[in-house]
């Protein structure tokens, strides 16, 4: 994995064999990532490379990431669920996501059009860290498929083994 943000912007994250090649997913988004980086640094966050991507912290607490995906680049807020988002600009990265929210970008023009909102999200995310707020996670286990529930009821040994698995 890359050790610095500059390495990420020049070679990619390094988590797959495409890093450092023209096929790396980071390369199409360099201008977008650099603009996002500029906005984040202007807000006074500290920059580190974590998990091979640019991570921005406040007093050693993770606040946000900027990263590239195949179809877009994004700024991801670790406690995004706590952010005030009246324009619905933030998205859950997955249906089961409880804390993280992200904004997707495919051009610098999109960033410029929402620059005030991005800056406001960053400021609010910093205030959330200053206040020590935490996302309260819901413990809502998924329901099991009917077929599996039936098999577990039929076979007590299988049921005991299944229930001993970690979530």
N, C-alpha and C. Protein backbone atom coordinates (compact mmCIF):
# COMPACT_ATOMS: atom_id res chain seq x y z
N UNK A 1 0.84 -1.19 0.00
CA UNK A 1 0.00 0.00 0.00
C UNK A 1 0.88 1.24 0.00
N UNK A 2 0.30 2.30 -0.53
CA UNK A 2 1.06 3.55 -0.57
C UNK A 2 1.26 4.11 0.83
N UNK A 3 2.37 4.79 1.01
CA UNK A 3 2.72 5.31 2.33
C UNK A 3 2.39 6.80 2.49
N UNK A 4 2.25 7.53 1.38
CA UNK A 4 1.93 8.96 1.45
C UNK A 4 0.81 9.29 0.49
N UNK A 5 0.21 10.44 0.70
CA UNK A 5 -0.85 10.89 -0.20
C UNK A 5 -0.28 11.19 -1.57
N UNK A 6 0.92 11.74 -1.62
CA UNK A 6 1.54 12.00 -2.92
C UNK A 6 1.75 10.70 -3.70
N UNK A 7 2.14 9.63 -2.99
CA UNK A 7 2.28 8.32 -3.64
C UNK A 7 0.94 7.85 -4.19
N UNK A 8 -0.11 8.04 -3.40
CA UNK A 8 -1.46 7.64 -3.84
C UNK A 8 -1.83 8.38 -5.13
N UNK A 9 -1.57 9.67 -5.18
CA UNK A 9 -1.93 10.46 -6.36
C UNK A 9 -1.07 10.15 -7.57
N UNK A 10 0.12 9.63 -7.35
CA UNK A 10 0.96 9.31 -8.50
C UNK A 10 0.89 7.84 -8.92
N UNK A 11 0.72 6.94 -7.95
CA UNK A 11 0.77 5.52 -8.27
C UNK A 11 -0.49 4.73 -7.94
N UNK A 12 -1.41 5.34 -7.20
CA UNK A 12 -2.59 4.61 -6.77
C UNK A 12 -2.42 4.08 -5.36
N UNK A 13 -3.40 3.33 -4.90
CA UNK A 13 -3.39 2.87 -3.50
C UNK A 13 -2.38 1.75 -3.25
N UNK A 14 -2.07 0.98 -4.27
CA UNK A 14 -1.14 -0.13 -4.11
C UNK A 14 -1.75 -1.37 -3.52
N UNK A 15 -3.07 -1.42 -3.40
CA UNK A 15 -3.71 -2.60 -2.81
C UNK A 15 -3.96 -3.69 -3.85
N UNK A 16 -3.81 -3.36 -5.13
CA UNK A 16 -3.99 -4.39 -6.15
C UNK A 16 -2.84 -4.31 -7.15
N UNK A 17 -2.80 -5.25 -8.06
CA UNK A 17 -1.69 -5.32 -9.02
C UNK A 17 -1.74 -4.19 -10.06
N UNK A 18 -2.83 -3.42 -10.12
CA UNK A 18 -2.94 -2.34 -11.09
C UNK A 18 -2.24 -1.06 -10.64
N UNK A 19 -1.85 -0.98 -9.38
CA UNK A 19 -1.15 0.20 -8.86
C UNK A 19 0.08 0.52 -9.68
N UNK A 20 0.25 1.78 -10.00
CA UNK A 20 1.39 2.22 -10.77
C UNK A 20 1.25 2.00 -12.26
N UNK A 21 0.11 1.45 -12.70
CA UNK A 21 -0.11 1.24 -14.12
C UNK A 21 -1.19 2.19 -14.62
N UNK A 22 -1.32 2.30 -15.93
CA UNK A 22 -2.34 3.16 -16.53
C UNK A 22 -3.75 2.67 -16.21
N UNK A 23 -3.89 1.40 -15.85
CA UNK A 23 -5.21 0.84 -15.55
C UNK A 23 -5.68 1.11 -14.12
N UNK A 24 -4.83 1.71 -13.30
CA UNK A 24 -5.19 1.99 -11.91
C UNK A 24 -6.40 2.91 -11.86
N UNK A 25 -7.34 2.61 -10.99
CA UNK A 25 -8.59 3.38 -10.90
C UNK A 25 -8.37 4.81 -10.40
N UNK A 26 -7.23 5.11 -9.81
CA UNK A 26 -6.96 6.45 -9.30
C UNK A 26 -6.70 7.44 -10.44
N UNK A 27 -6.02 7.00 -11.48
CA UNK A 27 -5.55 7.91 -12.52
C UNK A 27 -6.62 8.75 -13.21
N UNK A 28 -7.80 8.23 -13.53
CA UNK A 28 -8.80 9.10 -14.18
C UNK A 28 -9.32 10.22 -13.28
N UNK A 29 -9.08 10.11 -11.98
CA UNK A 29 -9.67 11.05 -11.03
C UNK A 29 -8.65 11.98 -10.37
N UNK A 30 -7.45 12.05 -10.90
CA UNK A 30 -6.39 12.84 -10.27
C UNK A 30 -6.80 14.30 -10.05
N UNK A 31 -7.35 14.96 -11.06
CA UNK A 31 -7.71 16.37 -10.91
C UNK A 31 -8.81 16.55 -9.86
N UNK A 32 -9.75 15.63 -9.81
CA UNK A 32 -10.83 15.69 -8.83
C UNK A 32 -10.26 15.46 -7.43
N UNK A 33 -9.41 14.46 -7.28
CA UNK A 33 -8.81 14.16 -5.98
C UNK A 33 -7.95 15.32 -5.47
N UNK A 34 -7.20 15.93 -6.37
CA UNK A 34 -6.36 17.06 -5.97
C UNK A 34 -7.20 18.23 -5.51
N UNK A 35 -8.33 18.48 -6.17
CA UNK A 35 -9.20 19.58 -5.75
C UNK A 35 -9.85 19.28 -4.40
N UNK A 36 -10.29 18.05 -4.21
CA UNK A 36 -10.85 17.67 -2.91
C UNK A 36 -9.78 17.81 -1.81
N UNK A 37 -8.59 17.37 -2.12
CA UNK A 37 -7.48 17.47 -1.16
C UNK A 37 -7.25 18.93 -0.76
N UNK A 38 -7.27 19.82 -1.74
CA UNK A 38 -7.07 21.24 -1.47
C UNK A 38 -8.13 21.77 -0.52
N UNK A 39 -9.39 21.44 -0.77
CA UNK A 39 -10.48 21.90 0.10
C UNK A 39 -10.31 21.38 1.53
N UNK A 40 -9.95 20.12 1.65
CA UNK A 40 -9.80 19.51 2.97
C UNK A 40 -8.63 20.14 3.73
N UNK A 41 -7.51 20.33 3.05
CA UNK A 41 -6.36 20.92 3.71
C UNK A 41 -6.62 22.37 4.11
N UNK A 42 -7.38 23.10 3.30
CA UNK A 42 -7.75 24.49 3.64
C UNK A 42 -8.56 24.53 4.93
N UNK A 43 -9.27 23.46 5.24
CA UNK A 43 -10.09 23.40 6.46
C UNK A 43 -9.25 23.12 7.70
N UNK A 44 -7.97 22.81 7.51
CA UNK A 44 -7.08 22.63 8.65
C UNK A 44 -6.96 21.22 9.17
N UNK A 45 -7.44 20.23 8.43
CA UNK A 45 -7.30 18.84 8.87
C UNK A 45 -5.89 18.35 8.61
N UNK A 46 -5.47 17.35 9.37
CA UNK A 46 -4.16 16.74 9.18
C UNK A 46 -4.27 15.61 8.18
N UNK A 47 -3.28 15.50 7.32
CA UNK A 47 -3.29 14.51 6.24
C UNK A 47 -2.39 13.34 6.57
N UNK A 48 -2.92 12.15 6.37
CA UNK A 48 -2.17 10.91 6.55
C UNK A 48 -2.58 9.96 5.44
N UNK A 49 -1.81 8.92 5.25
CA UNK A 49 -2.22 7.84 4.37
C UNK A 49 -2.59 6.66 5.27
N UNK A 50 -3.85 6.23 5.18
CA UNK A 50 -4.32 5.06 5.94
C UNK A 50 -5.04 4.14 4.98
N UNK A 51 -4.81 2.87 5.10
CA UNK A 51 -5.45 1.89 4.24
C UNK A 51 -5.14 2.15 2.76
N UNK A 52 -4.02 2.84 2.51
CA UNK A 52 -3.61 3.13 1.14
C UNK A 52 -4.31 4.32 0.52
N UNK A 53 -5.12 5.06 1.27
CA UNK A 53 -5.84 6.22 0.72
C UNK A 53 -5.62 7.44 1.61
N UNK A 54 -5.84 8.64 1.07
CA UNK A 54 -5.71 9.85 1.88
C UNK A 54 -6.77 9.91 2.98
N UNK A 55 -6.31 10.04 4.21
CA UNK A 55 -7.20 10.11 5.38
C UNK A 55 -6.90 11.43 6.08
N UNK A 56 -7.95 12.08 6.53
CA UNK A 56 -7.81 13.39 7.16
C UNK A 56 -8.35 13.31 8.58
N UNK A 57 -7.55 13.84 9.51
CA UNK A 57 -7.85 13.69 10.93
C UNK A 57 -7.91 15.04 11.64
N UNK A 58 -8.58 15.01 12.77
CA UNK A 58 -8.60 16.15 13.69
C UNK A 58 -8.25 15.59 15.05
N UNK A 59 -7.17 16.08 15.63
CA UNK A 59 -6.67 15.59 16.93
C UNK A 59 -6.61 14.06 16.95
N UNK A 60 -6.03 13.50 15.92
CA UNK A 60 -5.82 12.05 15.75
C UNK A 60 -7.10 11.24 15.60
N UNK A 61 -8.23 11.88 15.40
CA UNK A 61 -9.49 11.17 15.13
C UNK A 61 -9.78 11.26 13.63
N UNK A 62 -10.12 10.12 13.03
CA UNK A 62 -10.44 10.11 11.60
C UNK A 62 -11.70 10.92 11.34
N UNK A 63 -11.63 11.82 10.37
CA UNK A 63 -12.78 12.65 10.01
C UNK A 63 -13.30 12.26 8.63
N UNK A 64 -12.39 12.13 7.65
CA UNK A 64 -12.84 11.82 6.31
C UNK A 64 -11.72 11.20 5.48
N UNK A 65 -12.13 10.58 4.39
CA UNK A 65 -11.21 10.04 3.38
C UNK A 65 -11.54 10.68 2.05
N UNK A 66 -10.55 10.77 1.18
CA UNK A 66 -10.83 11.02 -0.23
C UNK A 66 -10.29 9.80 -0.97
N UNK A 67 -11.03 9.34 -1.96
CA UNK A 67 -10.61 8.12 -2.63
C UNK A 67 -11.22 8.01 -4.02
N UNK A 68 -10.64 7.12 -4.80
CA UNK A 68 -11.09 6.87 -6.16
C UNK A 68 -11.74 5.50 -6.25
N UNK A 69 -12.79 5.44 -7.03
CA UNK A 69 -13.47 4.20 -7.36
C UNK A 69 -13.49 4.10 -8.87
N UNK A 70 -13.96 3.02 -9.41
CA UNK A 70 -13.97 2.88 -10.87
C UNK A 70 -14.83 3.94 -11.53
N UNK A 71 -16.01 4.19 -10.99
CA UNK A 71 -16.99 5.06 -11.63
C UNK A 71 -16.97 6.51 -11.13
N UNK A 72 -16.28 6.77 -10.04
CA UNK A 72 -16.30 8.11 -9.44
C UNK A 72 -15.19 8.24 -8.41
N UNK A 73 -15.00 9.45 -7.94
CA UNK A 73 -14.15 9.68 -6.78
C UNK A 73 -15.07 10.19 -5.68
N UNK A 74 -14.59 10.19 -4.44
CA UNK A 74 -15.49 10.54 -3.35
C UNK A 74 -14.76 11.14 -2.16
N UNK A 75 -15.52 11.88 -1.39
CA UNK A 75 -15.11 12.28 -0.06
C UNK A 75 -16.07 11.53 0.87
N UNK A 76 -15.49 10.78 1.82
CA UNK A 76 -16.28 9.93 2.72
C UNK A 76 -16.09 10.41 4.15
N UNK A 77 -17.19 10.72 4.81
CA UNK A 77 -17.16 11.19 6.19
C UNK A 77 -17.41 10.02 7.14
N UNK A 78 -16.47 9.79 8.05
CA UNK A 78 -16.59 8.66 8.97
C UNK A 78 -17.87 8.72 9.81
N UNK A 79 -18.26 9.90 10.25
CA UNK A 79 -19.48 10.08 11.05
C UNK A 79 -20.52 10.86 10.25
N UNK A 80 -20.59 10.57 8.98
CA UNK A 80 -21.49 11.28 8.07
C UNK A 80 -22.95 11.20 8.46
N UNK A 81 -23.34 10.15 9.15
CA UNK A 81 -24.74 10.02 9.57
C UNK A 81 -25.13 11.13 10.54
N UNK A 82 -24.15 11.76 11.18
CA UNK A 82 -24.43 12.84 12.12
C UNK A 82 -24.46 14.22 11.45
N UNK A 83 -24.08 14.28 10.19
CA UNK A 83 -24.04 15.56 9.49
C UNK A 83 -25.43 16.02 9.08
N UNK A 84 -25.64 17.32 9.14
CA UNK A 84 -26.88 17.93 8.69
C UNK A 84 -26.82 18.00 7.16
N UNK A 85 -27.76 17.34 6.49
CA UNK A 85 -27.73 17.24 5.02
C UNK A 85 -29.10 17.55 4.42
N UNK A 86 -29.55 18.81 4.51
CA UNK A 86 -30.90 19.14 4.01
C UNK A 86 -31.05 19.00 2.50
N UNK A 87 -29.95 19.02 1.76
CA UNK A 87 -30.02 18.89 0.30
C UNK A 87 -29.86 17.45 -0.17
N UNK A 88 -29.72 16.51 0.76
CA UNK A 88 -29.51 15.09 0.43
C UNK A 88 -28.33 14.88 -0.52
N UNK A 89 -27.23 15.48 -0.20
CA UNK A 89 -26.02 15.35 -1.02
C UNK A 89 -25.19 14.13 -0.63
N UNK A 90 -25.37 13.65 0.58
CA UNK A 90 -24.58 12.53 1.08
C UNK A 90 -25.31 11.22 0.83
N UNK A 91 -24.54 10.20 0.53
CA UNK A 91 -25.09 8.87 0.26
C UNK A 91 -24.48 7.85 1.20
N UNK A 92 -25.26 6.80 1.48
CA UNK A 92 -24.71 5.64 2.19
C UNK A 92 -23.91 4.85 1.16
N UNK A 93 -22.73 4.38 1.53
CA UNK A 93 -21.97 3.57 0.58
C UNK A 93 -22.58 2.19 0.36
N UNK A 94 -23.40 1.73 1.26
CA UNK A 94 -24.07 0.43 1.14
C UNK A 94 -25.33 0.44 1.97
N UNK A 95 -26.21 -0.49 1.69
CA UNK A 95 -27.51 -0.51 2.38
C UNK A 95 -27.38 -0.71 3.89
N UNK A 96 -26.32 -1.37 4.33
CA UNK A 96 -26.14 -1.64 5.75
C UNK A 96 -25.23 -0.62 6.45
N UNK A 97 -24.78 0.40 5.73
CA UNK A 97 -23.92 1.42 6.33
C UNK A 97 -24.69 2.21 7.37
N UNK A 98 -24.09 2.36 8.53
CA UNK A 98 -24.76 3.10 9.59
C UNK A 98 -24.10 4.44 9.86
N UNK A 99 -22.80 4.57 9.68
CA UNK A 99 -22.10 5.80 10.05
C UNK A 99 -21.59 6.58 8.83
N UNK A 100 -20.91 5.92 7.94
CA UNK A 100 -20.24 6.61 6.82
C UNK A 100 -21.25 7.15 5.82
N UNK A 101 -20.96 8.36 5.34
CA UNK A 101 -21.71 8.96 4.24
C UNK A 101 -20.68 9.55 3.29
N UNK A 102 -21.00 9.54 2.01
CA UNK A 102 -20.05 10.05 1.04
C UNK A 102 -20.71 10.92 -0.01
N UNK A 103 -19.89 11.75 -0.63
CA UNK A 103 -20.29 12.54 -1.79
C UNK A 103 -19.48 12.04 -2.96
N UNK A 104 -20.15 11.77 -4.07
CA UNK A 104 -19.48 11.25 -5.26
C UNK A 104 -19.25 12.38 -6.26
N UNK A 105 -18.10 12.28 -6.96
CA UNK A 105 -17.75 13.28 -7.96
C UNK A 105 -17.15 12.62 -9.19
N UNK A 106 -17.51 13.15 -10.35
CA UNK A 106 -16.89 12.69 -11.60
C UNK A 106 -16.21 13.84 -12.34
N UNK A 107 -16.24 15.04 -11.77
CA UNK A 107 -15.56 16.18 -12.39
C UNK A 107 -15.25 17.25 -11.35
N UNK A 108 -14.28 18.08 -11.66
CA UNK A 108 -13.95 19.21 -10.81
C UNK A 108 -15.12 20.19 -10.80
N UNK A 109 -15.84 20.29 -11.91
CA UNK A 109 -17.00 21.19 -11.99
C UNK A 109 -18.05 20.83 -10.94
N UNK A 110 -18.25 19.54 -10.68
CA UNK A 110 -19.19 19.12 -9.63
C UNK A 110 -18.73 19.61 -8.26
N UNK A 111 -17.44 19.56 -8.04
CA UNK A 111 -16.89 20.03 -6.77
C UNK A 111 -17.12 21.53 -6.64
N UNK A 112 -16.83 22.26 -7.69
CA UNK A 112 -17.00 23.71 -7.65
C UNK A 112 -18.46 24.07 -7.41
N UNK A 113 -19.38 23.32 -7.99
CA UNK A 113 -20.80 23.61 -7.84
C UNK A 113 -21.31 23.35 -6.42
N UNK A 114 -20.62 22.47 -5.70
CA UNK A 114 -21.05 22.14 -4.33
C UNK A 114 -19.99 22.51 -3.29
N UNK A 115 -19.07 23.35 -3.67
CA UNK A 115 -17.93 23.71 -2.83
C UNK A 115 -18.37 24.22 -1.45
N UNK A 116 -19.37 25.06 -1.40
CA UNK A 116 -19.83 25.60 -0.12
C UNK A 116 -20.38 24.47 0.75
N UNK A 117 -21.14 23.56 0.15
CA UNK A 117 -21.68 22.43 0.90
C UNK A 117 -20.56 21.53 1.42
N UNK A 118 -19.57 21.27 0.59
CA UNK A 118 -18.44 20.43 1.02
C UNK A 118 -17.73 21.07 2.20
N UNK A 119 -17.45 22.36 2.10
CA UNK A 119 -16.78 23.07 3.19
C UNK A 119 -17.62 23.04 4.46
N UNK A 120 -18.92 23.20 4.32
CA UNK A 120 -19.80 23.14 5.49
C UNK A 120 -19.80 21.76 6.12
N UNK A 121 -19.80 20.71 5.30
CA UNK A 121 -19.74 19.35 5.83
C UNK A 121 -18.43 19.14 6.59
N UNK A 122 -17.34 19.63 6.04
CA UNK A 122 -16.04 19.46 6.70
C UNK A 122 -16.04 20.20 8.04
N UNK A 123 -16.51 21.44 8.05
CA UNK A 123 -16.56 22.21 9.31
C UNK A 123 -17.43 21.49 10.35
N UNK A 124 -18.57 21.01 9.90
CA UNK A 124 -19.47 20.32 10.83
C UNK A 124 -18.85 19.02 11.34
N UNK A 125 -18.14 18.30 10.47
CA UNK A 125 -17.48 17.05 10.87
C UNK A 125 -16.41 17.33 11.93
N UNK A 126 -15.71 18.45 11.79
CA UNK A 126 -14.71 18.83 12.79
C UNK A 126 -15.40 19.14 14.12
N UNK A 127 -16.52 19.86 14.07
CA UNK A 127 -17.26 20.18 15.30
C UNK A 127 -17.78 18.91 15.98
N UNK A 128 -18.18 17.94 15.19
CA UNK A 128 -18.63 16.65 15.74
C UNK A 128 -17.49 15.99 16.50
N UNK A 129 -16.28 16.04 15.94
CA UNK A 129 -15.12 15.47 16.64
C UNK A 129 -14.79 16.26 17.89
N UNK A 130 -14.84 17.60 17.80
CA UNK A 130 -14.55 18.44 18.97
C UNK A 130 -15.52 18.13 20.10
N UNK A 131 -16.77 17.88 19.76
CA UNK A 131 -17.79 17.60 20.76
C UNK A 131 -17.75 16.16 21.26
N UNK A 132 -16.95 15.32 20.60
CA UNK A 132 -16.84 13.92 21.01
C UNK A 132 -18.08 13.10 20.70
N UNK A 133 -18.88 13.52 19.73
CA UNK A 133 -20.09 12.80 19.39
C UNK A 133 -19.77 11.45 18.76
N UNK A 134 -20.64 10.50 18.99
CA UNK A 134 -20.46 9.15 18.45
C UNK A 134 -21.73 8.73 17.73
N UNK A 135 -21.56 7.93 16.70
CA UNK A 135 -22.70 7.33 16.00
C UNK A 135 -23.17 6.16 16.84
N UNK A 136 -24.45 6.11 17.10
CA UNK A 136 -25.02 4.99 17.85
C UNK A 136 -25.45 3.94 16.83
N UNK A 137 -24.79 2.79 16.91
CA UNK A 137 -25.07 1.74 15.94
C UNK A 137 -26.26 0.90 16.39
N UNK A 138 -27.10 0.61 15.43
CA UNK A 138 -28.25 -0.25 15.68
C UNK A 138 -27.81 -1.70 15.56
N UNK A 139 -28.22 -2.50 16.48
CA UNK A 139 -27.91 -3.92 16.42
C UNK A 139 -29.11 -4.62 15.79
N UNK A 140 -29.15 -4.56 14.48
CA UNK A 140 -30.28 -5.16 13.76
C UNK A 140 -29.76 -6.27 12.86
N UNK A 141 -29.66 -7.46 13.42
CA UNK A 141 -29.17 -8.56 12.58
C UNK A 141 -30.16 -8.85 11.45
N UNK A 142 -29.59 -9.23 10.32
CA UNK A 142 -30.44 -9.58 9.19
C UNK A 142 -31.23 -10.85 9.50
N UNK A 143 -32.43 -10.91 8.97
CA UNK A 143 -33.20 -12.14 9.14
C UNK A 143 -32.60 -13.22 8.25
N UNK A 144 -32.71 -14.43 8.72
CA UNK A 144 -32.16 -15.56 7.97
C UNK A 144 -33.15 -16.00 6.89
N UNK A 145 -32.62 -16.50 5.79
CA UNK A 145 -33.52 -17.04 4.76
C UNK A 145 -34.37 -18.18 5.35
N UNK A 146 -35.59 -18.25 4.88
CA UNK A 146 -36.54 -19.25 5.38
C UNK A 146 -35.99 -20.67 5.29
N UNK A 147 -35.33 -20.97 4.19
CA UNK A 147 -34.78 -22.30 3.97
C UNK A 147 -33.72 -22.65 5.02
N UNK A 148 -32.87 -21.67 5.36
CA UNK A 148 -31.84 -21.89 6.37
C UNK A 148 -32.48 -22.08 7.75
N UNK A 149 -33.46 -21.23 8.08
CA UNK A 149 -34.14 -21.38 9.37
C UNK A 149 -34.75 -22.77 9.52
N UNK A 150 -35.33 -23.30 8.46
CA UNK A 150 -35.95 -24.63 8.48
C UNK A 150 -34.89 -25.70 8.75
N UNK A 151 -33.75 -25.60 8.04
CA UNK A 151 -32.67 -26.58 8.22
C UNK A 151 -32.10 -26.52 9.64
N UNK A 152 -31.97 -25.31 10.19
CA UNK A 152 -31.45 -25.18 11.54
C UNK A 152 -32.39 -25.81 12.56
N UNK A 153 -33.69 -25.67 12.34
CA UNK A 153 -34.67 -26.28 13.25
C UNK A 153 -34.66 -27.81 13.14
N UNK A 154 -34.37 -28.31 11.95
CA UNK A 154 -34.35 -29.76 11.72
C UNK A 154 -33.09 -30.41 12.28
N UNK A 155 -32.00 -29.67 12.39
CA UNK A 155 -30.72 -30.25 12.77
C UNK A 155 -30.12 -29.47 13.94
N UNK A 156 -30.32 -29.94 15.17
CA UNK A 156 -29.82 -29.21 16.36
C UNK A 156 -28.30 -29.05 16.38
N UNK A 157 -27.56 -30.01 15.82
CA UNK A 157 -26.09 -29.90 15.79
C UNK A 157 -25.69 -28.75 14.85
N UNK A 158 -26.33 -28.68 13.69
CA UNK A 158 -26.07 -27.60 12.75
C UNK A 158 -26.44 -26.25 13.38
N UNK A 159 -27.58 -26.22 14.08
CA UNK A 159 -28.02 -24.98 14.72
C UNK A 159 -27.01 -24.52 15.77
N UNK A 160 -26.53 -25.44 16.59
CA UNK A 160 -25.55 -25.09 17.61
C UNK A 160 -24.25 -24.57 16.97
N UNK A 161 -23.82 -25.23 15.91
CA UNK A 161 -22.60 -24.79 15.21
C UNK A 161 -22.80 -23.40 14.59
N UNK A 162 -23.95 -23.20 13.98
CA UNK A 162 -24.25 -21.92 13.33
C UNK A 162 -24.30 -20.79 14.38
N UNK A 163 -24.92 -21.03 15.49
CA UNK A 163 -25.06 -20.01 16.53
C UNK A 163 -23.74 -19.72 17.24
N UNK A 164 -22.78 -20.62 17.13
CA UNK A 164 -21.46 -20.37 17.75
C UNK A 164 -20.57 -19.52 16.86
N UNK A 165 -20.98 -19.29 15.61
CA UNK A 165 -20.21 -18.44 14.72
C UNK A 165 -20.27 -16.99 15.18
N UNK A 166 -19.23 -16.23 14.92
CA UNK A 166 -19.27 -14.80 15.24
C UNK A 166 -20.15 -14.11 14.20
N UNK A 167 -20.78 -13.00 14.59
CA UNK A 167 -21.64 -12.29 13.63
C UNK A 167 -20.86 -11.85 12.41
